[in-house]
């Protein structure tokens, strides 16, 4: 009998030194200024293990606003958490959903397990915080960029007083960013 692989729910994200994932205007131009080339191998290794992607409506609308030639997550199932009607992307496997995060998470786990892959909470921080607050976030994979924004969209605006994580791994990128993987302590 083979042992069933546990599905991990991961929040993979870039943040400023002071803990923001977007600036005061909810933009990520500051992040794009660093380029993506030095982070591409890290991203490729991560995305190969992802079968389910979860995002909020603002992240989805951001992607729509980028004028994508094609959906960047064609190999994954995608859930967009929203209470509004949003435009669909032709050919993308997107499920618009709302409801109890624990019930939705059970759906994500079943889908990811069927694919033999993990779950990526893409964003934003509020969605990741809901998953964390429900006790369902397994890992935080963060690339800490060497920039201070002063204000903006927080990395993990959790309702918990003091989330505690244990460091699993860290690595430095040549341009000064720091990659860190944290596991949730339960």
N, C-alpha and C. Protein backbone atom coordinates (compact mmCIF):
# COMPACT_ATOMS: atom_id res chain seq x y z
N UNK A 1 0.85 -1.18 0.00
CA UNK A 1 0.00 0.00 0.00
C UNK A 1 0.89 1.24 0.00
N UNK A 2 0.58 2.19 -0.89
CA UNK A 2 1.36 3.42 -0.95
C UNK A 2 0.75 4.47 -0.04
N UNK A 3 1.62 5.26 0.55
CA UNK A 3 1.16 6.31 1.45
C UNK A 3 0.68 7.51 0.62
N UNK A 4 -0.48 8.05 0.98
CA UNK A 4 -1.03 9.19 0.26
C UNK A 4 -0.24 10.46 0.61
N UNK A 5 0.15 11.18 -0.42
CA UNK A 5 0.93 12.41 -0.25
C UNK A 5 0.03 13.49 0.34
N UNK A 6 0.53 14.19 1.34
CA UNK A 6 -0.22 15.29 1.95
C UNK A 6 -0.18 16.51 1.03
N UNK A 7 -1.31 17.13 0.85
CA UNK A 7 -1.40 18.36 0.05
C UNK A 7 -1.04 19.53 0.94
N UNK A 8 -0.14 20.39 0.45
CA UNK A 8 0.25 21.58 1.20
C UNK A 8 -0.50 22.80 0.65
N UNK A 9 -0.91 23.66 1.56
CA UNK A 9 -1.50 24.96 1.20
C UNK A 9 -0.43 26.00 1.48
N UNK A 10 0.03 26.66 0.41
CA UNK A 10 1.17 27.56 0.50
C UNK A 10 0.80 28.97 0.03
N UNK A 11 1.36 29.95 0.70
CA UNK A 11 1.24 31.35 0.30
C UNK A 11 2.61 31.77 -0.18
N UNK A 12 2.77 31.86 -1.50
CA UNK A 12 4.03 32.21 -2.16
C UNK A 12 3.89 33.64 -2.64
N UNK A 13 4.75 34.54 -2.13
CA UNK A 13 4.53 35.95 -2.36
C UNK A 13 5.83 36.73 -2.22
N UNK A 14 5.88 37.91 -2.81
CA UNK A 14 6.98 38.86 -2.61
C UNK A 14 6.48 39.98 -1.71
N UNK A 15 7.37 40.47 -0.86
CA UNK A 15 7.01 41.51 0.10
C UNK A 15 8.15 42.51 0.23
N UNK A 16 7.80 43.72 0.62
CA UNK A 16 8.82 44.71 0.96
C UNK A 16 9.41 44.35 2.33
N UNK A 17 10.51 44.98 2.68
CA UNK A 17 11.12 44.74 4.00
C UNK A 17 10.15 45.04 5.13
N UNK A 18 9.28 46.03 4.91
CA UNK A 18 8.34 46.41 5.97
C UNK A 18 6.99 45.72 5.86
N UNK A 19 6.91 44.65 5.10
CA UNK A 19 5.75 43.77 5.13
C UNK A 19 4.57 44.14 4.27
N UNK A 20 4.81 44.76 3.11
CA UNK A 20 3.72 45.11 2.20
C UNK A 20 3.90 44.39 0.86
N UNK A 21 2.77 43.94 0.29
CA UNK A 21 2.81 43.24 -1.00
C UNK A 21 2.39 44.13 -2.16
N UNK A 22 1.86 45.29 -1.84
CA UNK A 22 1.51 46.31 -2.83
C UNK A 22 1.67 47.66 -2.15
N UNK A 23 1.84 48.72 -2.95
CA UNK A 23 2.06 50.05 -2.36
C UNK A 23 0.74 50.72 -1.98
N UNK A 24 0.80 51.98 -1.62
CA UNK A 24 -0.39 52.72 -1.17
C UNK A 24 -1.52 52.74 -2.21
N UNK A 25 -1.15 52.70 -3.48
CA UNK A 25 -2.14 52.71 -4.57
C UNK A 25 -2.50 51.30 -5.04
N UNK A 26 -2.07 50.30 -4.25
CA UNK A 26 -2.32 48.89 -4.56
C UNK A 26 -1.63 48.46 -5.86
N UNK A 27 -0.47 49.03 -6.11
CA UNK A 27 0.31 48.72 -7.31
C UNK A 27 1.56 47.94 -6.91
N UNK A 28 2.14 47.24 -7.90
CA UNK A 28 3.36 46.49 -7.65
C UNK A 28 4.50 46.93 -8.58
N UNK A 29 4.45 48.16 -9.05
CA UNK A 29 5.52 48.68 -9.91
C UNK A 29 6.88 48.54 -9.22
N UNK A 30 6.90 48.79 -7.92
CA UNK A 30 8.14 48.67 -7.14
C UNK A 30 8.76 47.29 -7.27
N UNK A 31 7.92 46.27 -7.35
CA UNK A 31 8.39 44.89 -7.48
C UNK A 31 8.92 44.65 -8.89
N UNK A 32 8.20 45.15 -9.87
CA UNK A 32 8.60 44.95 -11.26
C UNK A 32 9.93 45.62 -11.56
N UNK A 33 10.28 46.66 -10.79
CA UNK A 33 11.56 47.34 -10.97
C UNK A 33 12.75 46.40 -10.74
N UNK A 34 12.54 45.33 -9.99
CA UNK A 34 13.61 44.36 -9.73
C UNK A 34 13.77 43.36 -10.87
N UNK A 35 12.79 43.31 -11.78
CA UNK A 35 12.84 42.32 -12.85
C UNK A 35 12.49 40.95 -12.32
N UNK A 36 12.31 40.01 -13.21
CA UNK A 36 11.92 38.67 -12.79
C UNK A 36 12.98 37.62 -13.10
N UNK A 37 13.98 37.99 -13.87
CA UNK A 37 14.95 37.02 -14.34
C UNK A 37 15.63 36.24 -13.21
N UNK A 38 16.11 36.92 -12.17
CA UNK A 38 16.83 36.21 -11.12
C UNK A 38 15.91 35.34 -10.26
N UNK A 39 14.59 35.52 -10.38
CA UNK A 39 13.64 34.76 -9.57
C UNK A 39 12.97 33.64 -10.37
N UNK A 40 13.26 33.57 -11.67
CA UNK A 40 12.53 32.64 -12.54
C UNK A 40 12.76 31.17 -12.19
N UNK A 41 13.97 30.78 -11.84
CA UNK A 41 14.23 29.37 -11.48
C UNK A 41 13.46 29.00 -10.21
N UNK A 42 13.44 29.90 -9.24
CA UNK A 42 12.71 29.68 -7.99
C UNK A 42 11.21 29.51 -8.28
N UNK A 43 10.67 30.40 -9.10
CA UNK A 43 9.25 30.35 -9.45
C UNK A 43 8.93 29.06 -10.22
N UNK A 44 9.77 28.72 -11.18
CA UNK A 44 9.53 27.52 -11.99
C UNK A 44 9.50 26.27 -11.12
N UNK A 45 10.46 26.16 -10.19
CA UNK A 45 10.48 25.01 -9.29
C UNK A 45 9.22 24.96 -8.42
N UNK A 46 8.76 26.14 -8.00
CA UNK A 46 7.55 26.20 -7.16
C UNK A 46 6.31 25.81 -7.96
N UNK A 47 6.09 26.44 -9.11
CA UNK A 47 4.84 26.27 -9.87
C UNK A 47 4.68 24.85 -10.41
N UNK A 48 5.77 24.13 -10.60
CA UNK A 48 5.69 22.74 -11.07
C UNK A 48 4.92 21.85 -10.11
N UNK A 49 4.88 22.23 -8.83
CA UNK A 49 4.20 21.42 -7.81
C UNK A 49 2.81 21.95 -7.46
N UNK A 50 2.31 22.91 -8.22
CA UNK A 50 1.02 23.53 -7.92
C UNK A 50 -0.05 23.01 -8.87
N UNK A 51 -1.15 22.53 -8.29
CA UNK A 51 -2.29 22.07 -9.07
C UNK A 51 -3.50 22.96 -8.93
N UNK A 52 -3.59 23.67 -7.79
CA UNK A 52 -4.73 24.54 -7.51
C UNK A 52 -4.21 25.92 -7.12
N UNK A 53 -4.79 26.93 -7.74
CA UNK A 53 -4.46 28.32 -7.44
C UNK A 53 -5.70 28.99 -6.88
N UNK A 54 -5.50 29.78 -5.82
CA UNK A 54 -6.59 30.51 -5.19
C UNK A 54 -6.21 31.97 -5.11
N UNK A 55 -7.13 32.84 -5.52
CA UNK A 55 -6.88 34.28 -5.46
C UNK A 55 -8.17 35.02 -5.16
N UNK A 56 -8.01 36.24 -4.70
CA UNK A 56 -9.15 37.12 -4.48
C UNK A 56 -9.52 37.85 -5.75
N UNK A 57 -10.64 38.55 -5.71
CA UNK A 57 -11.12 39.25 -6.90
C UNK A 57 -10.19 40.38 -7.33
N UNK A 58 -9.55 41.07 -6.38
CA UNK A 58 -8.64 42.16 -6.76
C UNK A 58 -7.41 41.64 -7.49
N UNK A 59 -6.89 40.50 -7.07
CA UNK A 59 -5.75 39.91 -7.77
C UNK A 59 -6.18 39.48 -9.17
N UNK A 60 -7.35 38.88 -9.28
CA UNK A 60 -7.88 38.48 -10.58
C UNK A 60 -8.06 39.69 -11.49
N UNK A 61 -8.64 40.76 -10.96
CA UNK A 61 -8.83 41.97 -11.76
C UNK A 61 -7.51 42.61 -12.15
N UNK A 62 -6.52 42.52 -11.26
CA UNK A 62 -5.18 43.00 -11.60
C UNK A 62 -4.66 42.25 -12.82
N UNK A 63 -4.78 40.91 -12.80
CA UNK A 63 -4.32 40.11 -13.93
C UNK A 63 -5.07 40.46 -15.21
N UNK A 64 -6.38 40.66 -15.10
CA UNK A 64 -7.16 41.07 -16.27
C UNK A 64 -6.66 42.40 -16.83
N UNK A 65 -6.31 43.32 -15.93
CA UNK A 65 -5.84 44.64 -16.32
C UNK A 65 -4.47 44.64 -16.95
N UNK A 66 -3.75 43.54 -16.83
CA UNK A 66 -2.41 43.44 -17.41
C UNK A 66 -2.47 43.16 -18.92
N UNK A 67 -3.66 42.94 -19.46
CA UNK A 67 -3.79 42.69 -20.90
C UNK A 67 -3.09 41.41 -21.33
N UNK A 68 -3.29 40.35 -20.56
CA UNK A 68 -2.62 39.08 -20.83
C UNK A 68 -2.98 38.53 -22.20
N UNK A 69 -1.98 38.05 -22.90
CA UNK A 69 -2.22 37.39 -24.18
C UNK A 69 -2.82 36.00 -23.93
N UNK A 70 -2.43 35.39 -22.82
CA UNK A 70 -2.98 34.10 -22.43
C UNK A 70 -2.96 33.99 -20.91
N UNK A 71 -3.80 33.14 -20.38
CA UNK A 71 -3.90 32.93 -18.94
C UNK A 71 -2.61 32.28 -18.44
N UNK A 72 -1.93 32.87 -17.46
CA UNK A 72 -0.63 32.34 -17.03
C UNK A 72 -0.71 31.04 -16.23
N UNK A 73 -1.90 30.63 -15.83
CA UNK A 73 -2.05 29.43 -15.00
C UNK A 73 -2.84 28.36 -15.74
N UNK A 74 -2.52 28.17 -17.01
CA UNK A 74 -3.26 27.23 -17.85
C UNK A 74 -3.14 25.79 -17.35
N UNK A 75 -2.08 25.46 -16.63
CA UNK A 75 -1.89 24.10 -16.15
C UNK A 75 -2.51 23.82 -14.80
N UNK A 76 -3.18 24.80 -14.21
CA UNK A 76 -3.75 24.64 -12.89
C UNK A 76 -5.24 24.95 -12.88
N UNK A 77 -5.93 24.40 -11.88
CA UNK A 77 -7.31 24.79 -11.62
C UNK A 77 -7.24 26.07 -10.79
N UNK A 78 -8.15 27.00 -11.03
CA UNK A 78 -8.10 28.28 -10.33
C UNK A 78 -9.44 28.62 -9.70
N UNK A 79 -9.40 28.99 -8.43
CA UNK A 79 -10.57 29.50 -7.73
C UNK A 79 -10.36 30.98 -7.50
N UNK A 80 -11.35 31.78 -7.85
CA UNK A 80 -11.34 33.22 -7.56
C UNK A 80 -12.43 33.45 -6.52
N UNK A 81 -12.02 33.96 -5.36
CA UNK A 81 -12.97 34.22 -4.28
C UNK A 81 -13.58 35.60 -4.51
N UNK A 82 -14.89 35.63 -4.71
CA UNK A 82 -15.56 36.88 -5.02
C UNK A 82 -17.04 36.78 -4.71
N UNK A 83 -17.64 37.91 -4.45
CA UNK A 83 -19.10 37.98 -4.28
C UNK A 83 -19.72 38.73 -5.45
N UNK A 84 -18.89 39.07 -6.44
CA UNK A 84 -19.36 39.82 -7.61
C UNK A 84 -19.23 38.99 -8.88
N UNK A 85 -19.96 39.42 -9.89
CA UNK A 85 -19.81 38.84 -11.22
C UNK A 85 -18.54 39.42 -11.84
N UNK A 86 -17.68 38.56 -12.35
CA UNK A 86 -16.44 39.00 -12.99
C UNK A 86 -16.35 38.38 -14.37
N UNK A 87 -15.64 39.05 -15.27
CA UNK A 87 -15.49 38.48 -16.62
C UNK A 87 -14.68 37.20 -16.60
N UNK A 88 -15.02 36.31 -17.50
CA UNK A 88 -14.30 35.04 -17.63
C UNK A 88 -13.18 35.21 -18.66
N UNK A 89 -12.18 34.35 -18.53
CA UNK A 89 -11.08 34.32 -19.49
C UNK A 89 -11.26 33.08 -20.34
N UNK A 90 -11.33 33.28 -21.62
CA UNK A 90 -11.53 32.18 -22.57
C UNK A 90 -10.47 31.11 -22.39
N UNK A 91 -10.91 29.86 -22.23
CA UNK A 91 -10.01 28.72 -22.15
C UNK A 91 -9.39 28.47 -20.80
N UNK A 92 -9.63 29.33 -19.81
CA UNK A 92 -9.06 29.14 -18.48
C UNK A 92 -10.03 28.36 -17.60
N UNK A 93 -9.49 27.48 -16.77
CA UNK A 93 -10.32 26.69 -15.85
C UNK A 93 -10.44 27.46 -14.54
N UNK A 94 -11.38 28.40 -14.50
CA UNK A 94 -11.56 29.29 -13.35
C UNK A 94 -12.93 29.03 -12.74
N UNK A 95 -12.94 28.90 -11.42
CA UNK A 95 -14.18 28.72 -10.67
C UNK A 95 -14.35 29.92 -9.75
N UNK A 96 -15.42 30.65 -9.92
CA UNK A 96 -15.72 31.78 -9.05
C UNK A 96 -16.50 31.25 -7.85
N UNK A 97 -16.07 31.62 -6.65
CA UNK A 97 -16.68 31.03 -5.46
C UNK A 97 -16.74 32.03 -4.32
N UNK A 98 -17.66 31.75 -3.43
CA UNK A 98 -17.73 32.46 -2.15
C UNK A 98 -18.28 31.47 -1.14
N UNK A 99 -18.05 31.78 0.13
CA UNK A 99 -18.55 30.89 1.16
C UNK A 99 -17.52 30.67 2.25
N UNK A 100 -17.78 29.69 3.05
CA UNK A 100 -16.92 29.35 4.17
C UNK A 100 -15.56 28.88 3.67
N UNK A 101 -14.50 29.50 4.17
CA UNK A 101 -13.15 29.19 3.69
C UNK A 101 -12.78 27.73 3.96
N UNK A 102 -13.22 27.17 5.07
CA UNK A 102 -12.90 25.77 5.38
C UNK A 102 -13.58 24.82 4.39
N UNK A 103 -14.82 25.10 4.04
CA UNK A 103 -15.52 24.27 3.05
C UNK A 103 -14.86 24.38 1.68
N UNK A 104 -14.52 25.61 1.29
CA UNK A 104 -13.84 25.81 0.01
C UNK A 104 -12.49 25.10 0.02
N UNK A 105 -11.79 25.18 1.13
CA UNK A 105 -10.48 24.54 1.23
C UNK A 105 -10.58 23.04 1.00
N UNK A 106 -11.62 22.43 1.51
CA UNK A 106 -11.81 20.98 1.29
C UNK A 106 -11.90 20.69 -0.21
N UNK A 107 -12.59 21.53 -0.97
CA UNK A 107 -12.67 21.37 -2.43
C UNK A 107 -11.28 21.48 -3.06
N UNK A 108 -10.53 22.49 -2.62
CA UNK A 108 -9.19 22.70 -3.17
C UNK A 108 -8.29 21.50 -2.90
N UNK A 109 -8.37 20.96 -1.69
CA UNK A 109 -7.54 19.82 -1.30
C UNK A 109 -7.88 18.61 -2.16
N UNK A 110 -9.16 18.34 -2.35
CA UNK A 110 -9.57 17.20 -3.18
C UNK A 110 -9.03 17.36 -4.60
N UNK A 111 -9.19 18.56 -5.17
CA UNK A 111 -8.72 18.80 -6.54
C UNK A 111 -7.20 18.67 -6.62
N UNK A 112 -6.49 19.25 -5.66
CA UNK A 112 -5.02 19.18 -5.67
C UNK A 112 -4.54 17.74 -5.48
N UNK A 113 -5.19 17.01 -4.57
CA UNK A 113 -4.81 15.61 -4.32
C UNK A 113 -5.01 14.78 -5.59
N UNK A 114 -6.13 15.01 -6.29
CA UNK A 114 -6.38 14.28 -7.53
C UNK A 114 -5.27 14.52 -8.56
N UNK A 115 -4.68 15.70 -8.51
CA UNK A 115 -3.60 16.06 -9.44
C UNK A 115 -2.22 15.69 -8.90
N UNK A 116 -2.16 15.30 -7.63
CA UNK A 116 -0.87 14.99 -7.01
C UNK A 116 -0.02 16.23 -6.79
N UNK A 117 -0.70 17.35 -6.54
CA UNK A 117 0.00 18.64 -6.43
C UNK A 117 -0.47 19.38 -5.17
N UNK A 118 0.04 20.62 -5.03
CA UNK A 118 -0.27 21.46 -3.88
C UNK A 118 -1.16 22.64 -4.26
N UNK A 119 -1.50 23.45 -3.25
CA UNK A 119 -2.37 24.62 -3.40
C UNK A 119 -1.54 25.88 -3.20
N UNK A 120 -1.72 26.86 -4.09
CA UNK A 120 -1.04 28.14 -3.98
C UNK A 120 -2.07 29.23 -3.72
N UNK A 121 -1.95 29.88 -2.58
CA UNK A 121 -2.74 31.07 -2.31
C UNK A 121 -1.96 32.22 -2.95
N UNK A 122 -2.42 32.67 -4.10
CA UNK A 122 -1.70 33.70 -4.87
C UNK A 122 -1.86 35.06 -4.20
N UNK A 123 -3.03 35.36 -3.80
CA UNK A 123 -3.24 36.68 -3.19
C UNK A 123 -4.69 37.04 -3.19
N UNK A 124 -4.82 38.07 -2.56
CA UNK A 124 -3.82 38.87 -1.85
C UNK A 124 -3.67 38.43 -0.41
N UNK A 125 -3.10 39.35 0.35
CA UNK A 125 -2.83 39.09 1.74
C UNK A 125 -4.08 38.77 2.54
N UNK A 126 -5.19 39.40 2.18
CA UNK A 126 -6.45 39.15 2.90
C UNK A 126 -6.93 37.71 2.72
N UNK A 127 -6.78 37.19 1.51
CA UNK A 127 -7.17 35.80 1.26
C UNK A 127 -6.25 34.87 2.05
N UNK A 128 -4.95 35.13 2.00
CA UNK A 128 -4.00 34.31 2.76
C UNK A 128 -4.30 34.37 4.25
N UNK A 129 -4.66 35.55 4.75
CA UNK A 129 -4.98 35.71 6.18
C UNK A 129 -6.23 34.90 6.55
N UNK A 130 -7.23 34.88 5.68
CA UNK A 130 -8.43 34.08 5.95
C UNK A 130 -8.08 32.60 6.05
N UNK A 131 -7.22 32.15 5.14
CA UNK A 131 -6.80 30.74 5.15
C UNK A 131 -5.99 30.46 6.42
N UNK A 132 -5.10 31.38 6.77
CA UNK A 132 -4.30 31.22 7.99
C UNK A 132 -5.21 31.19 9.22
N UNK A 133 -6.12 32.18 9.31
CA UNK A 133 -7.01 32.27 10.47
C UNK A 133 -7.88 31.03 10.64
N UNK A 134 -8.17 30.34 9.54
CA UNK A 134 -8.95 29.11 9.60
C UNK A 134 -8.08 27.90 9.96
N UNK A 135 -6.78 28.14 10.15
CA UNK A 135 -5.87 27.05 10.51
C UNK A 135 -5.50 26.16 9.34
N UNK A 136 -5.56 26.70 8.11
CA UNK A 136 -5.39 25.87 6.92
C UNK A 136 -4.14 26.19 6.10
N UNK A 137 -3.38 27.20 6.51
CA UNK A 137 -2.15 27.56 5.79
C UNK A 137 -1.00 26.74 6.35
N UNK A 138 -0.32 26.00 5.46
CA UNK A 138 0.80 25.16 5.88
C UNK A 138 2.13 25.89 5.82
N UNK A 139 2.34 26.65 4.74
CA UNK A 139 3.63 27.31 4.54
C UNK A 139 3.48 28.70 3.96
N UNK A 140 4.42 29.56 4.34
CA UNK A 140 4.56 30.89 3.78
C UNK A 140 5.91 30.91 3.08
N UNK A 141 5.90 31.08 1.77
CA UNK A 141 7.13 31.18 0.99
C UNK A 141 7.22 32.62 0.52
N UNK A 142 8.14 33.37 1.11
CA UNK A 142 8.19 34.80 0.87
C UNK A 142 9.54 35.20 0.30
N UNK A 143 9.49 36.07 -0.70
CA UNK A 143 10.69 36.70 -1.20
C UNK A 143 10.66 38.13 -0.68
N UNK A 144 11.58 38.42 0.23
CA UNK A 144 11.63 39.74 0.87
C UNK A 144 12.53 40.63 0.03
N UNK A 145 11.92 41.65 -0.57
CA UNK A 145 12.64 42.54 -1.47
C UNK A 145 13.31 43.67 -0.68
N UNK A 146 14.50 44.10 -1.11
CA UNK A 146 15.23 45.13 -0.37
C UNK A 146 14.69 46.54 -0.66
N UNK A 147 13.46 46.78 -0.23
CA UNK A 147 12.81 48.07 -0.43
C UNK A 147 11.83 48.29 0.72
N UNK A 148 11.64 49.55 1.09
CA UNK A 148 10.68 49.91 2.13
C UNK A 148 9.59 50.75 1.47
N UNK A 149 8.32 50.36 1.67
CA UNK A 149 7.20 51.07 1.06
C UNK A 149 6.52 52.04 2.03
N UNK A 150 6.60 51.80 3.31
CA UNK A 150 6.01 52.69 4.29
C UNK A 150 4.54 52.44 4.56
N UNK A 151 3.81 51.99 3.58
CA UNK A 151 2.37 51.70 3.72
C UNK A 151 1.94 50.92 2.48
N UNK A 152 0.76 50.34 2.57
CA UNK A 152 0.23 49.60 1.43
C UNK A 152 -0.58 48.40 1.87
N UNK A 153 -0.67 47.41 1.00
CA UNK A 153 -1.41 46.18 1.29
C UNK A 153 -0.52 45.26 2.13
N UNK A 154 -0.95 44.93 3.36
CA UNK A 154 -0.11 44.11 4.23
C UNK A 154 0.06 42.68 3.74
N UNK A 155 1.20 42.13 4.08
CA UNK A 155 1.56 40.77 3.71
C UNK A 155 0.56 39.74 4.23
N UNK A 156 0.19 39.83 5.49
CA UNK A 156 -0.70 38.83 6.09
C UNK A 156 -1.51 39.50 7.21
N UNK A 157 -2.57 40.20 6.84
CA UNK A 157 -3.38 40.92 7.84
C UNK A 157 -4.30 39.99 8.63
N UNK A 158 -3.69 39.14 9.41
CA UNK A 158 -4.41 38.11 10.13
C UNK A 158 -5.14 38.65 11.35
N UNK A 159 -6.20 37.99 11.73
CA UNK A 159 -6.95 38.35 12.93
C UNK A 159 -6.25 37.81 14.17
N UNK A 160 -5.37 36.84 13.98
CA UNK A 160 -4.62 36.27 15.10
C UNK A 160 -3.66 37.32 15.64
N UNK A 161 -3.48 37.33 16.95
CA UNK A 161 -2.61 38.32 17.57
C UNK A 161 -1.16 38.18 17.15
N UNK A 162 -0.68 36.98 17.11
CA UNK A 162 0.74 36.78 16.84
C UNK A 162 0.98 35.44 16.16
N UNK A 163 0.82 35.40 14.83
CA UNK A 163 1.09 34.14 14.15
C UNK A 163 2.54 33.73 14.37
N UNK A 164 2.75 32.47 14.59
CA UNK A 164 4.10 31.96 14.81
C UNK A 164 4.42 30.96 13.70
N UNK A 165 5.57 31.16 13.09
CA UNK A 165 6.04 30.28 12.02
C UNK A 165 7.43 29.79 12.39
N UNK A 166 7.80 28.64 11.87
CA UNK A 166 9.17 28.17 12.04
C UNK A 166 9.88 28.23 10.69
N UNK A 167 11.13 28.63 10.71
CA UNK A 167 11.91 28.75 9.48
C UNK A 167 12.28 27.35 8.99
N UNK A 168 12.01 27.11 7.71
CA UNK A 168 12.36 25.84 7.09
C UNK A 168 13.62 26.01 6.26
N UNK A 169 13.70 27.15 5.54
CA UNK A 169 14.80 27.36 4.61
C UNK A 169 14.92 28.85 4.31
N UNK A 170 16.14 29.31 4.07
CA UNK A 170 16.36 30.67 3.57
C UNK A 170 17.42 30.62 2.48
N UNK A 171 17.36 31.57 1.58
CA UNK A 171 18.41 31.71 0.57
C UNK A 171 18.42 33.15 0.07
N UNK A 172 19.62 33.61 -0.28
CA UNK A 172 19.79 34.98 -0.78
C UNK A 172 19.80 34.97 -2.30
N UNK A 173 19.20 35.99 -2.89
CA UNK A 173 19.25 36.19 -4.33
C UNK A 173 20.36 37.20 -4.61
N UNK A 174 20.98 37.14 -5.79
CA UNK A 174 22.10 38.03 -6.10
C UNK A 174 21.78 39.53 -5.98
N UNK A 175 20.56 39.94 -6.27
CA UNK A 175 20.19 41.35 -6.23
C UNK A 175 19.86 41.88 -4.84
N UNK A 176 19.96 41.03 -3.81
CA UNK A 176 19.72 41.48 -2.45
C UNK A 176 18.42 41.01 -1.82
N UNK A 177 17.57 40.35 -2.57
CA UNK A 177 16.33 39.81 -2.01
C UNK A 177 16.65 38.56 -1.20
N UNK A 178 15.79 38.25 -0.27
CA UNK A 178 15.95 37.07 0.58
C UNK A 178 14.73 36.19 0.42
N UNK A 179 14.94 34.94 0.09
CA UNK A 179 13.86 33.95 0.01
C UNK A 179 13.78 33.20 1.33
N UNK A 180 12.60 33.05 1.86
CA UNK A 180 12.44 32.33 3.12
C UNK A 180 11.18 31.47 3.06
N UNK A 181 11.30 30.25 3.54
CA UNK A 181 10.16 29.35 3.66
C UNK A 181 9.89 29.16 5.14
N UNK A 182 8.64 29.43 5.52
CA UNK A 182 8.21 29.27 6.90
C UNK A 182 7.09 28.25 6.96
N UNK A 183 7.10 27.40 7.96
CA UNK A 183 6.02 26.45 8.21
C UNK A 183 5.17 26.97 9.36
N UNK A 184 3.88 26.81 9.24
CA UNK A 184 2.97 27.23 10.29
C UNK A 184 3.12 26.31 11.50
N UNK A 185 3.23 26.91 12.67
CA UNK A 185 3.25 26.12 13.91
C UNK A 185 1.81 25.93 14.34
N UNK A 186 1.45 24.72 14.63
CA UNK A 186 0.07 24.43 15.06
C UNK A 186 0.06 23.94 16.47
